[in-house]
Structures are given as structure tokens and as C-alpha cells.
C-alpha atoms as a PDB file:
ATOM      1  CA  UNK A   1       1.645  -0.551  47.469  1.00  0.00           C
ATOM      2  CA  UNK A   2      -1.570  -2.236  48.864  1.00  0.00           C
ATOM      3  CA  UNK A   3      -4.940  -1.086  48.690  1.00  0.00           C
ATOM      4  CA  UNK A   4      -5.097  -0.990  52.446  1.00  0.00           C
ATOM      5  CA  UNK A   5      -1.740   0.839  52.790  1.00  0.00           C
ATOM      6  CA  UNK A   6      -2.665   3.198  50.062  1.00  0.00           C
ATOM      7  CA  UNK A   7      -6.070   4.094  51.974  1.00  0.00           C
ATOM      8  CA  UNK A   8      -4.249   4.445  55.412  1.00  0.00           C
ATOM      9  CA  UNK A   9      -1.778   6.984  53.480  1.00  0.00           C
ATOM     10  CA  UNK A  10      -4.585   8.902  52.123  1.00  0.00           C
ATOM     11  CA  UNK A  11      -6.368   9.112  55.364  1.00  0.00           C
ATOM     12  CA  UNK A  12      -3.122  10.210  57.198  1.00  0.00           C
ATOM     13  CA  UNK A  13      -2.073  12.945  54.847  1.00  0.00           C
ATOM     14  CA  UNK A  14      -5.704  14.323  55.060  1.00  0.00           C
ATOM     15  CA  UNK A  15      -5.052  14.967  58.526  1.00  0.00           C
ATOM     16  CA  UNK A  16      -1.848  16.844  57.930  1.00  0.00           C
ATOM     17  CA  UNK A  17      -1.579  20.475  58.958  1.00  0.00           C
ATOM     18  CA  UNK A  18       0.798  22.661  56.905  1.00  0.00           C
ATOM     19  CA  UNK A  19       4.166  21.535  58.509  1.00  0.00           C
ATOM     20  CA  UNK A  20       6.775  24.094  59.820  1.00  0.00           C
ATOM     21  CA  UNK A  21       9.770  23.927  57.660  1.00  0.00           C
ATOM     22  CA  UNK A  22      12.748  22.138  58.669  1.00  0.00           C
ATOM     23  CA  UNK A  23      15.594  24.010  60.031  1.00  0.00           C
ATOM     24  CA  UNK A  24      19.470  23.684  60.738  1.00  0.00           C
ATOM     25  CA  UNK A  25      21.213  26.070  63.308  1.00  0.00           C
ATOM     26  CA  UNK A  26      24.131  25.906  65.851  1.00  0.00           C
ATOM     27  CA  UNK A  27      23.730  24.195  69.234  1.00  0.00           C
ATOM     28  CA  UNK A  28      22.902  26.672  71.747  1.00  0.00           C
ATOM     29  CA  UNK A  29      24.940  27.120  74.899  1.00  0.00           C
ATOM     30  CA  UNK A  30      22.074  25.391  76.744  1.00  0.00           C
ATOM     31  CA  UNK A  31      21.856  22.405  74.407  1.00  0.00           C
ATOM     32  CA  UNK A  32      25.605  21.996  74.698  1.00  0.00           C
ATOM     33  CA  UNK A  33      25.403  22.059  78.258  1.00  0.00           C
ATOM     34  CA  UNK A  34      22.853  19.353  78.349  1.00  0.00           C
ATOM     35  CA  UNK A  35      24.734  17.302  76.311  1.00  0.00           C
ATOM     36  CA  UNK A  36      28.014  17.260  78.074  1.00  0.00           C
ATOM     37  CA  UNK A  37      28.431  14.484  80.461  1.00  0.00           C
ATOM     38  CA  UNK A  38      25.438  12.571  78.564  1.00  0.00           C
ATOM     39  CA  UNK A  39      25.830  12.248  74.868  1.00  0.00           C
ATOM     40  CA  UNK A  40      29.296  14.138  74.660  1.00  0.00           C
ATOM     41  CA  UNK A  41      32.609  14.426  76.321  1.00  0.00           C
ATOM     42  CA  UNK A  42      36.184  14.949  76.264  1.00  0.00           C
ATOM     43  CA  UNK A  43      37.812  12.702  73.899  1.00  0.00           C
ATOM     44  CA  UNK A  44      34.662  12.095  71.474  1.00  0.00           C
ATOM     45  CA  UNK A  45      35.554  12.250  68.155  1.00  0.00           C
ATOM     46  CA  UNK A  46      34.031  15.518  67.018  1.00  0.00           C
ATOM     47  CA  UNK A  47      33.505  18.765  68.983  1.00  0.00           C
ATOM     48  CA  UNK A  48      30.476  20.293  69.623  1.00  0.00           C
ATOM     49  CA  UNK A  49      30.891  23.083  67.256  1.00  0.00           C
ATOM     50  CA  UNK A  50      30.744  20.559  64.539  1.00  0.00           C
ATOM     51  CA  UNK A  51      27.347  19.566  65.149  1.00  0.00           C
ATOM     52  CA  UNK A  52      23.975  21.098  64.543  1.00  0.00           C
ATOM     53  CA  UNK A  53      20.347  21.044  65.706  1.00  0.00           C
ATOM     54  CA  UNK A  54      18.193  19.918  63.022  1.00  0.00           C
ATOM     55  CA  UNK A  55      14.273  20.460  63.700  1.00  0.00           C
ATOM     56  CA  UNK A  56      12.146  18.516  61.544  1.00  0.00           C
ATOM     57  CA  UNK A  57       8.254  17.992  60.963  1.00  0.00           C
ATOM     58  CA  UNK A  58       7.398  14.431  61.372  1.00  0.00           C
ATOM     59  CA  UNK A  59       3.573  12.564  61.621  1.00  0.00           C
ATOM     60  CA  UNK A  60       2.415  10.599  64.694  1.00  0.00           C
ATOM     61  CA  UNK A  61       0.277   7.693  64.486  1.00  0.00           C
ATOM     62  CA  UNK A  62      -2.803   9.712  65.111  1.00  0.00           C
ATOM     63  CA  UNK A  63      -1.822  11.832  62.059  1.00  0.00           C
ATOM     64  CA  UNK A  64      -0.671  14.806  63.818  1.00  0.00           C
ATOM     65  CA  UNK A  65       2.306  16.942  62.841  1.00  0.00           C
ATOM     66  CA  UNK A  66       4.957  17.147  65.458  1.00  0.00           C
ATOM     67  CA  UNK A  67       8.002  19.322  66.014  1.00  0.00           C
ATOM     68  CA  UNK A  68      11.196  17.111  66.152  1.00  0.00           C
ATOM     69  CA  UNK A  69      14.800  17.703  66.959  1.00  0.00           C
ATOM     70  CA  UNK A  70      17.905  15.820  65.701  1.00  0.00           C
ATOM     71  CA  UNK A  71      21.567  16.359  66.399  1.00  0.00           C
ATOM     72  CA  UNK A  72      23.909  15.635  63.431  1.00  0.00           C
ATOM     73  CA  UNK A  73      27.132  16.754  61.893  1.00  0.00           C
ATOM     74  CA  UNK A  74      27.138  19.920  60.030  1.00  0.00           C
ATOM     75  CA  UNK A  75      28.117  18.211  56.696  1.00  0.00           C
ATOM     76  CA  UNK A  76      25.136  16.024  56.653  1.00  0.00           C
ATOM     77  CA  UNK A  77      22.513  18.535  58.424  1.00  0.00           C
ATOM     78  CA  UNK A  78      20.788  20.136  55.621  1.00  0.00           C
ATOM     79  CA  UNK A  79      20.570  16.532  53.708  1.00  0.00           C
ATOM     80  CA  UNK A  80      18.946  14.995  56.790  1.00  0.00           C
ATOM     81  CA  UNK A  81      16.269  18.036  57.157  1.00  0.00           C
ATOM     82  CA  UNK A  82      15.051  17.158  53.546  1.00  0.00           C
ATOM     83  CA  UNK A  83      14.785  13.948  53.927  1.00  0.00           C
ATOM     84  CA  UNK A  84      12.651  14.306  56.912  1.00  0.00           C
ATOM     85  CA  UNK A  85      10.679  16.794  55.006  1.00  0.00           C
ATOM     86  CA  UNK A  86       9.740  14.366  52.515  1.00  0.00           C
ATOM     87  CA  UNK A  87       9.111  11.487  54.963  1.00  0.00           C
ATOM     88  CA  UNK A  88       6.579  13.948  56.314  1.00  0.00           C
ATOM     89  CA  UNK A  89       5.056  14.771  52.856  1.00  0.00           C
ATOM     90  CA  UNK A  90       4.673  11.010  52.016  1.00  0.00           C
ATOM     91  CA  UNK A  91       2.904  10.388  55.197  1.00  0.00           C
ATOM     92  CA  UNK A  92       5.573   8.183  56.592  1.00  0.00           C
ATOM     93  CA  UNK A  93       5.032   7.864  60.613  1.00  0.00           C
ATOM     94  CA  UNK A  94       7.564   8.703  63.015  1.00  0.00           C
ATOM     95  CA  UNK A  95       6.263   8.781  66.439  1.00  0.00           C
ATOM     96  CA  UNK A  96       9.157  10.300  68.351  1.00  0.00           C
ATOM     97  CA  UNK A  97      11.937  12.290  67.123  1.00  0.00           C
ATOM     98  CA  UNK A  98      14.079  13.694  70.278  1.00  0.00           C
ATOM     99  CA  UNK A  99      17.603  14.503  70.733  1.00  0.00           C
ATOM    100  CA  UNK A 100      19.700  11.632  72.645  1.00  0.00           C
ATOM    101  CA  UNK A 101      20.533  13.933  75.581  1.00  0.00           C
ATOM    102  CA  UNK A 102      16.833  13.914  76.718  1.00  0.00           C
ATOM    103  CA  UNK A 103      17.315   9.909  77.342  1.00  0.00           C
ATOM    104  CA  UNK A 104      20.856  10.683  79.054  1.00  0.00           C
ATOM    105  CA  UNK A 105      22.697   9.065  76.206  1.00  0.00           C
ATOM    106  CA  UNK A 106      20.721   5.660  77.041  1.00  0.00           C
ATOM    107  CA  UNK A 107      20.518   3.728  73.423  1.00  0.00           C
ATOM    108  CA  UNK A 108      18.316   0.923  75.249  1.00  0.00           C
ATOM    109  CA  UNK A 109      15.875   3.435  76.555  1.00  0.00           C
ATOM    110  CA  UNK A 110      15.659   5.487  73.081  1.00  0.00           C
ATOM    111  CA  UNK A 111      14.860   2.002  71.330  1.00  0.00           C
ATOM    112  CA  UNK A 112      12.308   0.907  73.697  1.00  0.00           C
ATOM    113  CA  UNK A 113      10.433   4.279  73.153  1.00  0.00           C
ATOM    114  CA  UNK A 114      10.586   3.897  69.480  1.00  0.00           C
ATOM    115  CA  UNK A 115      12.479   7.320  69.613  1.00  0.00           C
ATOM    116  CA  UNK A 116      14.488   8.391  66.587  1.00  0.00           C
ATOM    117  CA  UNK A 117      17.809   9.986  67.079  1.00  0.00           C
ATOM    118  CA  UNK A 118      21.177  10.376  65.587  1.00  0.00           C
ATOM    119  CA  UNK A 119      24.034  12.036  67.341  1.00  0.00           C
ATOM    120  CA  UNK A 120      25.036   9.949  70.678  1.00  0.00           C
ATOM    121  CA  UNK A 121      28.853   9.925  71.484  1.00  0.00           C
ATOM    122  CA  UNK A 122      29.022   6.028  72.048  1.00  0.00           C
ATOM    123  CA  UNK A 123      31.246   3.154  71.102  1.00  0.00           C
ATOM    124  CA  UNK A 124      29.670   0.170  68.860  1.00  0.00           C
ATOM    125  CA  UNK A 125      28.160  -2.180  71.327  1.00  0.00           C
ATOM    126  CA  UNK A 126      30.772  -4.913  72.744  1.00  0.00           C
ATOM    127  CA  UNK A 127      33.572  -2.683  71.112  1.00  0.00           C
ATOM    128  CA  UNK A 128      35.971   0.066  71.762  1.00  0.00           C
ATOM    129  CA  UNK A 129      35.103   1.759  68.413  1.00  0.00           C
ATOM    130  CA  UNK A 130      33.315   4.608  67.643  1.00  0.00           C
ATOM    131  CA  UNK A 131      30.041   4.098  66.227  1.00  0.00           C
ATOM    132  CA  UNK A 132      29.043   6.217  63.481  1.00  0.00           C
ATOM    133  CA  UNK A 133      26.327   7.936  65.749  1.00  0.00           C
ATOM    134  CA  UNK A 134      29.309   9.323  67.679  1.00  0.00           C
ATOM    135  CA  UNK A 135      30.634  11.271  64.619  1.00  0.00           C
ATOM    136  CA  UNK A 136      27.148  12.411  63.698  1.00  0.00           C
ATOM    137  CA  UNK A 137      26.924  10.385  60.394  1.00  0.00           C
ATOM    138  CA  UNK A 138      24.034   8.159  61.242  1.00  0.00           C
ATOM    139  CA  UNK A 139      20.609   8.043  62.897  1.00  0.00           C
ATOM    140  CA  UNK A 140      18.118   5.311  64.095  1.00  0.00           C
ATOM    141  CA  UNK A 141      14.569   5.736  62.634  1.00  0.00           C
ATOM    142  CA  UNK A 142      11.444   4.004  64.474  1.00  0.00           C
ATOM    143  CA  UNK A 143      13.856   1.726  66.364  1.00  0.00           C
ATOM    144  CA  UNK A 144      11.175  -0.362  68.063  1.00  0.00           C
ATOM    145  CA  UNK A 145       9.149  -0.987  64.969  1.00  0.00           C
ATOM    146  CA  UNK A 146      12.444  -1.673  63.019  1.00  0.00           C
ATOM    147  CA  UNK A 147      14.913  -3.737  65.569  1.00  0.00           C
ATOM    148  CA  UNK A 148      18.403  -4.629  65.287  1.00  0.00           C
ATOM    149  CA  UNK A 149      19.041  -8.299  64.572  1.00  0.00           C
ATOM    150  CA  UNK A 150      22.809  -9.624  65.683  1.00  0.00           C
ATOM    151  CA  UNK A 151      24.036 -13.075  66.784  1.00  0.00           C
ATOM    152  CA  UNK A 152      20.537 -14.472  67.595  1.00  0.00           C
ATOM    153  CA  UNK A 153      19.611 -11.322  69.585  1.00  0.00           C
ATOM    154  CA  UNK A 154      16.770  -8.723  68.721  1.00  0.00           C
ATOM    155  CA  UNK A 155      17.325  -5.117  70.127  1.00  0.00           C
ATOM    156  CA  UNK A 156      15.393  -3.855  71.551  1.00  0.00           C
ATOM    157  CA  UNK A 157      13.682  -7.266  72.954  1.00  0.00           C
ATOM    158  CA  UNK A 158      10.424  -5.379  72.818  1.00  0.00           C
ATOM    159  CA  UNK A 159      10.814  -5.343  68.952  1.00  0.00           C
ATOM    160  CA  UNK A 160      10.532  -8.952  68.274  1.00  0.00           C
ATOM    161  CA  UNK A 161       6.846  -8.646  67.009  1.00  0.00           C
ATOM    162  CA  UNK A 162       8.331  -6.235  64.366  1.00  0.00           C
ATOM    163  CA  UNK A 163      11.099  -8.589  62.952  1.00  0.00           C
ATOM    164  CA  UNK A 164       8.888  -9.173  59.865  1.00  0.00           C
ATOM    165  CA  UNK A 165       9.266  -6.488  57.119  1.00  0.00           C
ATOM    166  CA  UNK A 166       5.825  -5.692  56.479  1.00  0.00           C
ATOM    167  CA  UNK A 167       4.982  -2.853  54.102  1.00  0.00           C
ATOM    168  CA  UNK A 168       1.611  -2.498  55.383  1.00  0.00           C
ATOM    169  CA  UNK A 169       2.731  -1.715  58.961  1.00  0.00           C
ATOM    170  CA  UNK A 170       2.931   1.790  59.812  1.00  0.00           C
ATOM    171  CA  UNK A 171       6.596   3.050  60.349  1.00  0.00           C
ATOM    172  CA  UNK A 172       8.101   0.058  58.733  1.00  0.00           C
ATOM    173  CA  UNK A 173      11.238   0.314  56.855  1.00  0.00           C
ATOM    174  CA  UNK A 174      11.789  -2.190  53.976  1.00  0.00           C
ATOM    175  CA  UNK A 175      14.599  -2.588  51.183  1.00  0.00           C
ATOM    176  CA  UNK A 176      11.975  -1.601  48.430  1.00  0.00           C
ATOM    177  CA  UNK A 177      10.297   1.101  50.171  1.00  0.00           C
ATOM    178  CA  UNK A 178      10.340   5.126  50.103  1.00  0.00           C
ATOM    179  CA  UNK A 179      12.438   5.582  53.193  1.00  0.00           C
ATOM    180  CA  UNK A 180      15.539   3.442  52.184  1.00  0.00           C
ATOM    181  CA  UNK A 181      15.174   5.369  48.561  1.00  0.00           C
ATOM    182  CA  UNK A 182      15.025   8.725  50.059  1.00  0.00           C
ATOM    183  CA  UNK A 183      18.085   8.173  52.194  1.00  0.00           C
ATOM    184  CA  UNK A 184      19.965   6.886  49.225  1.00  0.00           C
ATOM    185  CA  UNK A 185      19.259   9.909  47.304  1.00  0.00           C
ATOM    186  CA  UNK A 186      21.315  11.685  50.123  1.00  0.00           C
ATOM    187  CA  UNK A 187      24.150   9.008  49.655  1.00  0.00           C
ATOM    188  CA  UNK A 188      23.433   7.301  53.049  1.00  0.00           C
ATOM    189  CA  UNK A 189      22.793   3.312  53.160  1.00  0.00           C
ATOM    190  CA  UNK A 190      20.712   1.262  55.373  1.00  0.00           C
ATOM    191  CA  UNK A 191      21.607  -1.172  57.848  1.00  0.00           C
ATOM    192  CA  UNK A 192      18.972  -3.574  56.714  1.00  0.00           C
ATOM    193  CA  UNK A 193      21.083  -4.448  53.947  1.00  0.00           C
ATOM    194  CA  UNK A 194      23.835  -5.705  55.787  1.00  0.00           C
ATOM    195  CA  UNK A 195      24.952  -9.258  55.250  1.00  0.00           C
ATOM    196  CA  UNK A 196      25.911 -10.674  58.992  1.00  0.00           C
ATOM    197  CA  UNK A 197      23.330  -8.673  60.795  1.00  0.00           C
ATOM    198  CA  UNK A 198      20.302  -6.791  60.143  1.00  0.00           C
ATOM    199  CA  UNK A 199      20.071  -3.196  61.375  1.00  0.00           C
ATOM    200  CA  UNK A 200      16.683  -2.117  60.260  1.00  0.00           C
ATOM    201  CA  UNK A 201      16.824   1.003  61.956  1.00  0.00           C
ATOM    202  CA  UNK A 202      20.126   2.372  61.014  1.00  0.00           C
ATOM    203  CA  UNK A 203      21.094   4.637  58.253  1.00  0.00           C
ATOM    204  CA  UNK A 204      24.633   6.296  57.839  1.00  0.00           C
ATOM    205  CA  UNK A 205      26.587   8.330  55.476  1.00  0.00           C
ATOM    206  CA  UNK A 206      29.222   5.581  55.411  1.00  0.00           C
ATOM    207  CA  UNK A 207      27.147   2.345  55.430  1.00  0.00           C
ATOM    208  CA  UNK A 208      28.665   1.244  58.670  1.00  0.00           C
END
């Protein structure tokens, strides 16, 4: 870790308030209603009853502790909650954590907004195969700052300035950094280690 990065982390951690603990609960009727037709529909590979709303603390670029929300499969909910608690504890910046239904399930809009999200019943782009997000087995972390590189494209295009993996830049995920290590501890793998494409924002339980 560079001296500048260490000093930045110390400054950020000094501003932390006592964070609310992460929590896991079933989706409320209102939350389920918000998802139907946007991030979930008949034919999706998991029922709404298998999903959980995970509330997590996260640190914004101004050093404020905010409360975020993710939807993940019940099998992974507690482990994901623990990862976000630990990301907060080390001062890793995550500007926005809002469920995909607040963006109408629009993945491009969420990437441009640098919003971290998990469940979204959609296929892999350009295919008819369900994405791991459609199972609640994956999440995209700081997608603007950690873009997806594939076939000569950068998604989101606004992420072009962040293609280089600079560990000193806030919210950046690197192969030897703490974020990949924390997800590895719960058995999740990072898309930044893929061979044909590099999905720097993507973590999943299956590695896909």
C-alpha cells in the first residue's frame, strides 16, 4: 500500500460514524411489487421467496456512512452482508448501493450511476442465457470505476478513464487488493481474472 493511499484511508476512517449492523430479511410485499415487471417476472429462474433484502453500511467519497440495500439469493445473503461490513471497516469507498428495481432494471443506467447492485433477472448481454444476477448469485461493485472490457468495448463507455487498475484510486478493485480477498473468503470469484474478457466490477458465487 502506498503512503498516499494509507493516509487517505486513515482520513476516511477517522470520519466514520458507528455503522448500523448489516441485516438480512425476506422481501416485503411492497418490495416484491416493485420488482415485478422491472427486475423479476414470470419465468425467472428463482422465485421471489428465495431472495433476501440485505441492508449494508457503505462509505461514500465524502467519508459518510450510508445505509445501502442489495437483493441476493438467500443462500448467500449473510455472507455478502459480512463482506460489506468488512469493506466499510477498512474504508473502501462504495458511493451507491441501491436495488436494481430503483433503476427499472436498466443495467446501463446503474453502471453510469456507479451503483452497486446484485439481483436482476436478465440474460447475459447478447445471449439468451440467464446471467448469474438472475439467480441472485452475483453483484457488480462500483461499476463505473471498475468497467467491463469485452470485444474491444468498455461498459459503461464512461468508465474508459478507469480501465487502468490503480490501487491508489478510491473504489478501485485490483487482483491483489482487499476486495478480491474478502470475496474469496466467502467463495466468490472476481471477473477481473477472466481470460477472454475483464469484468472488473463483477463478483459471483459460480465464477461466471
